[in-house]
């Protein structure tokens, strides 16, 4: 039967950009959890959907690229109280730890 598969991840954020870049809550715990689940085979980086839930005031048209590294998990969908933003060109996700 193999490892269970995760289809959807809901992840917190302080800010998200409309291209999917995400500033987390600090310390990188969500990014580490994601990487551990990839390494364990629970997440398919191409198929598992990552949804960021934020308030409308936390969504920005862009965020500086220099803030992000290869370990940062971007979102595929931004969900706010008033809208759903589906990222058209999904950013690459971490491939493991």
N, C-alpha and C. Protein backbone atom coordinates (compact mmCIF):
# COMPACT_ATOMS: atom_id res chain seq x y z
N UNK A 1 0.82 -1.20 0.00
CA UNK A 1 0.00 0.00 0.00
C UNK A 1 0.86 1.25 0.00
N UNK A 2 2.08 1.24 0.54
CA UNK A 2 2.99 2.37 0.48
C UNK A 2 2.64 3.48 1.45
N UNK A 3 3.31 4.59 1.27
CA UNK A 3 3.13 5.74 2.13
C UNK A 3 1.81 6.45 1.82
N UNK A 4 1.17 7.01 2.85
CA UNK A 4 -0.02 7.83 2.56
C UNK A 4 0.41 9.06 1.77
N UNK A 5 -0.46 9.58 0.91
CA UNK A 5 -0.15 10.74 0.10
C UNK A 5 -0.96 11.94 0.57
N UNK A 6 -0.31 13.09 0.62
CA UNK A 6 -0.95 14.33 1.02
C UNK A 6 -1.35 15.06 -0.26
N UNK A 7 -2.65 15.36 -0.40
CA UNK A 7 -3.15 16.04 -1.60
C UNK A 7 -3.16 17.56 -1.45
N UNK A 8 -3.31 18.04 -0.20
CA UNK A 8 -3.49 19.47 0.04
C UNK A 8 -2.81 19.86 1.34
N UNK A 9 -2.08 20.97 1.29
CA UNK A 9 -1.45 21.52 2.49
C UNK A 9 -1.96 22.94 2.65
N UNK A 10 -2.40 23.28 3.85
CA UNK A 10 -2.77 24.65 4.18
C UNK A 10 -1.64 25.20 5.04
N UNK A 11 -1.05 26.31 4.60
CA UNK A 11 0.16 26.82 5.23
C UNK A 11 -0.05 28.28 5.63
N UNK A 12 0.48 28.65 6.77
CA UNK A 12 0.37 30.02 7.24
C UNK A 12 1.38 30.93 6.58
N UNK A 13 1.13 32.22 6.69
CA UNK A 13 2.04 33.20 6.11
C UNK A 13 1.84 34.55 6.77
N UNK A 14 2.90 35.34 6.75
CA UNK A 14 2.82 36.73 7.17
C UNK A 14 2.44 37.58 5.96
N UNK A 15 2.96 37.19 4.79
CA UNK A 15 2.66 37.89 3.55
C UNK A 15 2.82 36.92 2.39
N UNK A 16 2.03 37.14 1.34
CA UNK A 16 2.17 36.37 0.11
C UNK A 16 2.11 37.34 -1.06
N UNK A 17 2.77 36.94 -2.14
CA UNK A 17 2.73 37.72 -3.37
C UNK A 17 1.85 37.00 -4.38
N UNK A 18 1.32 37.75 -5.30
CA UNK A 18 0.43 37.16 -6.30
C UNK A 18 1.13 36.20 -7.25
N UNK A 19 2.47 36.10 -7.16
CA UNK A 19 3.19 35.08 -7.94
C UNK A 19 3.41 33.81 -7.13
N UNK A 20 2.96 33.79 -5.86
CA UNK A 20 3.07 32.60 -5.03
C UNK A 20 4.16 32.64 -3.98
N UNK A 21 5.03 33.63 -4.02
CA UNK A 21 6.08 33.72 -2.99
C UNK A 21 5.42 33.98 -1.64
N UNK A 22 6.00 33.39 -0.61
CA UNK A 22 5.41 33.43 0.72
C UNK A 22 6.46 33.74 1.78
N UNK A 23 6.12 34.68 2.65
CA UNK A 23 6.93 34.92 3.84
C UNK A 23 6.23 34.21 4.98
N UNK A 24 6.93 33.26 5.59
CA UNK A 24 6.33 32.45 6.64
C UNK A 24 6.24 33.18 7.97
N UNK A 25 5.92 32.42 8.98
CA UNK A 25 5.73 32.98 10.31
C UNK A 25 7.03 33.06 11.11
N UNK A 26 8.13 32.58 10.54
CA UNK A 26 9.42 32.66 11.23
C UNK A 26 9.96 31.31 11.63
N UNK A 27 11.27 31.20 11.67
CA UNK A 27 12.00 30.00 12.10
C UNK A 27 11.99 28.86 11.08
N UNK A 28 11.19 28.92 10.03
CA UNK A 28 11.23 27.92 8.97
C UNK A 28 10.60 26.58 9.30
N UNK A 29 9.77 26.52 10.34
CA UNK A 29 9.19 25.23 10.72
C UNK A 29 8.28 24.65 9.64
N UNK A 30 7.43 25.48 9.02
CA UNK A 30 6.54 24.98 7.97
C UNK A 30 7.35 24.48 6.78
N UNK A 31 8.43 25.20 6.44
CA UNK A 31 9.29 24.77 5.33
C UNK A 31 9.98 23.44 5.65
N UNK A 32 10.43 23.28 6.88
CA UNK A 32 11.07 22.03 7.31
C UNK A 32 10.08 20.88 7.31
N UNK A 33 8.87 21.11 7.81
CA UNK A 33 7.84 20.06 7.80
C UNK A 33 7.54 19.62 6.37
N UNK A 34 7.42 20.59 5.46
CA UNK A 34 7.17 20.29 4.06
C UNK A 34 8.31 19.42 3.51
N UNK A 35 9.56 19.85 3.74
CA UNK A 35 10.73 19.12 3.24
C UNK A 35 10.78 17.70 3.79
N UNK A 36 10.45 17.54 5.06
CA UNK A 36 10.44 16.20 5.67
C UNK A 36 9.38 15.31 5.02
N UNK A 37 8.21 15.89 4.73
CA UNK A 37 7.15 15.09 4.09
C UNK A 37 7.52 14.73 2.65
N UNK A 38 8.23 15.63 1.95
CA UNK A 38 8.71 15.30 0.60
C UNK A 38 9.70 14.14 0.70
N UNK A 39 10.67 14.27 1.62
CA UNK A 39 11.70 13.24 1.77
C UNK A 39 11.11 11.89 2.16
N UNK A 40 10.02 11.90 2.92
CA UNK A 40 9.38 10.66 3.35
C UNK A 40 8.44 10.08 2.28
N UNK A 41 8.24 10.84 1.19
CA UNK A 41 7.40 10.34 0.11
C UNK A 41 5.92 10.64 0.27
N UNK A 42 5.55 11.47 1.23
CA UNK A 42 4.14 11.80 1.46
C UNK A 42 3.63 12.86 0.50
N UNK A 43 4.56 13.70 -0.01
CA UNK A 43 4.19 14.82 -0.88
C UNK A 43 4.80 14.60 -2.25
N UNK A 44 3.99 14.82 -3.28
CA UNK A 44 4.45 14.87 -4.66
C UNK A 44 4.55 16.36 -5.00
N UNK A 45 5.77 16.88 -5.18
CA UNK A 45 5.96 18.33 -5.34
C UNK A 45 5.23 18.88 -6.57
N UNK A 46 4.93 18.04 -7.54
CA UNK A 46 4.20 18.51 -8.73
C UNK A 46 2.69 18.48 -8.53
N UNK A 47 2.20 17.62 -7.66
CA UNK A 47 0.74 17.43 -7.55
C UNK A 47 0.14 17.97 -6.26
N UNK A 48 0.86 17.91 -5.15
CA UNK A 48 0.29 18.36 -3.88
C UNK A 48 0.08 19.87 -3.92
N UNK A 49 -1.13 20.30 -3.66
CA UNK A 49 -1.50 21.71 -3.72
C UNK A 49 -1.19 22.38 -2.38
N UNK A 50 -0.52 23.55 -2.44
CA UNK A 50 -0.21 24.31 -1.23
C UNK A 50 -1.06 25.58 -1.25
N UNK A 51 -1.89 25.72 -0.21
CA UNK A 51 -2.81 26.85 -0.10
C UNK A 51 -2.37 27.73 1.07
N UNK A 52 -2.22 29.02 0.80
CA UNK A 52 -1.90 29.98 1.85
C UNK A 52 -3.15 30.74 2.25
N UNK A 53 -3.46 30.73 3.53
CA UNK A 53 -4.63 31.46 4.03
C UNK A 53 -4.15 32.72 4.72
N UNK A 54 -4.63 33.86 4.24
CA UNK A 54 -4.23 35.16 4.78
C UNK A 54 -5.39 36.13 4.69
N UNK A 55 -5.23 37.27 5.34
CA UNK A 55 -6.19 38.37 5.19
C UNK A 55 -5.84 39.12 3.90
N UNK A 56 -6.79 39.81 3.34
CA UNK A 56 -6.55 40.57 2.11
C UNK A 56 -5.37 41.53 2.22
N UNK A 57 -5.17 42.13 3.39
CA UNK A 57 -4.09 43.10 3.55
C UNK A 57 -2.71 42.44 3.56
N UNK A 58 -2.64 41.11 3.57
CA UNK A 58 -1.37 40.39 3.56
C UNK A 58 -0.96 39.95 2.16
N UNK A 59 -1.74 40.31 1.15
CA UNK A 59 -1.45 39.94 -0.24
C UNK A 59 -0.82 41.14 -0.95
N UNK A 60 0.33 40.90 -1.59
CA UNK A 60 1.07 41.95 -2.28
C UNK A 60 1.22 41.58 -3.75
N UNK A 61 1.33 42.59 -4.60
CA UNK A 61 1.53 42.31 -6.02
C UNK A 61 2.86 41.59 -6.25
N UNK A 62 3.88 41.94 -5.45
CA UNK A 62 5.17 41.25 -5.53
C UNK A 62 5.91 41.43 -4.21
N UNK A 63 6.90 40.57 -4.01
CA UNK A 63 7.81 40.66 -2.86
C UNK A 63 9.23 40.50 -3.42
N UNK A 64 10.22 41.13 -2.79
CA UNK A 64 11.60 41.06 -3.31
C UNK A 64 12.12 39.62 -3.40
N UNK A 65 12.58 39.23 -4.60
CA UNK A 65 13.08 37.87 -4.82
C UNK A 65 14.22 37.51 -3.89
N UNK A 66 15.04 38.49 -3.51
CA UNK A 66 16.19 38.24 -2.66
C UNK A 66 15.86 37.74 -1.27
N UNK A 67 14.60 37.83 -0.88
CA UNK A 67 14.17 37.35 0.44
C UNK A 67 14.02 35.84 0.48
N UNK A 68 14.02 35.19 -0.67
CA UNK A 68 13.63 33.78 -0.72
C UNK A 68 14.78 32.88 -1.15
N UNK A 69 14.82 31.70 -0.54
CA UNK A 69 15.82 30.70 -0.88
C UNK A 69 15.14 29.44 -1.40
N UNK A 70 15.94 28.45 -1.80
CA UNK A 70 15.37 27.22 -2.36
C UNK A 70 14.58 26.39 -1.35
N UNK A 71 14.74 26.67 -0.05
CA UNK A 71 14.02 25.93 0.98
C UNK A 71 12.64 26.51 1.25
N UNK A 72 12.36 27.73 0.76
CA UNK A 72 11.08 28.38 1.03
C UNK A 72 9.96 27.77 0.20
N UNK A 73 8.85 27.45 0.85
CA UNK A 73 7.72 26.82 0.17
C UNK A 73 6.77 27.91 -0.35
N UNK A 74 6.61 28.01 -1.67
CA UNK A 74 5.64 28.95 -2.21
C UNK A 74 4.23 28.35 -2.17
N UNK A 75 3.24 29.18 -2.41
CA UNK A 75 1.85 28.71 -2.44
C UNK A 75 1.38 28.60 -3.88
N UNK A 76 0.39 27.73 -4.08
CA UNK A 76 -0.25 27.56 -5.39
C UNK A 76 -1.58 28.31 -5.45
N UNK A 77 -2.16 28.52 -4.27
CA UNK A 77 -3.44 29.21 -4.16
C UNK A 77 -3.37 30.12 -2.95
N UNK A 78 -3.88 31.35 -3.10
CA UNK A 78 -4.00 32.28 -1.98
C UNK A 78 -5.49 32.41 -1.67
N UNK A 79 -5.84 32.14 -0.43
CA UNK A 79 -7.23 32.21 0.00
C UNK A 79 -7.38 33.31 1.04
N UNK A 80 -8.22 34.29 0.73
CA UNK A 80 -8.49 35.39 1.66
C UNK A 80 -9.97 35.40 1.98
N UNK A 81 -10.42 36.25 2.90
CA UNK A 81 -11.86 36.32 3.17
C UNK A 81 -12.69 36.75 1.96
N UNK A 82 -12.07 37.43 0.98
CA UNK A 82 -12.86 37.95 -0.14
C UNK A 82 -12.50 37.38 -1.51
N UNK A 83 -11.41 36.62 -1.61
CA UNK A 83 -11.04 36.13 -2.94
C UNK A 83 -10.18 34.88 -2.89
N UNK A 84 -10.12 34.24 -4.04
CA UNK A 84 -9.27 33.08 -4.25
C UNK A 84 -8.35 33.43 -5.42
N UNK A 85 -7.03 33.40 -5.19
CA UNK A 85 -6.05 33.69 -6.23
C UNK A 85 -5.34 32.39 -6.58
N UNK A 86 -5.54 31.91 -7.78
CA UNK A 86 -4.85 30.70 -8.25
C UNK A 86 -3.60 31.15 -9.00
N UNK A 87 -2.46 30.68 -8.56
CA UNK A 87 -1.19 31.07 -9.17
C UNK A 87 -1.09 30.39 -10.54
N UNK A 88 -0.95 31.19 -11.57
CA UNK A 88 -0.93 30.66 -12.94
C UNK A 88 0.35 29.89 -13.25
N UNK A 89 1.49 30.46 -12.90
CA UNK A 89 2.78 29.79 -13.14
C UNK A 89 3.36 29.42 -11.79
N UNK A 90 3.09 28.18 -11.37
CA UNK A 90 3.52 27.73 -10.04
C UNK A 90 5.03 27.75 -9.93
N UNK A 91 5.50 28.26 -8.80
CA UNK A 91 6.94 28.34 -8.54
C UNK A 91 7.46 26.97 -8.10
N UNK A 92 8.76 26.71 -8.34
CA UNK A 92 9.32 25.42 -7.92
C UNK A 92 9.28 25.26 -6.41
N UNK A 93 9.07 24.02 -5.99
CA UNK A 93 8.99 23.71 -4.56
C UNK A 93 10.28 22.98 -4.14
N UNK A 94 10.59 23.03 -2.86
CA UNK A 94 11.75 22.27 -2.36
C UNK A 94 11.59 20.78 -2.64
N UNK A 95 12.69 20.14 -3.00
CA UNK A 95 12.67 18.72 -3.37
C UNK A 95 12.97 17.79 -2.20
N UNK A 96 13.16 18.35 -1.01
CA UNK A 96 13.45 17.55 0.17
C UNK A 96 14.30 18.36 1.13
N UNK A 97 14.88 17.67 2.10
CA UNK A 97 15.66 18.37 3.13
C UNK A 97 17.04 18.70 2.60
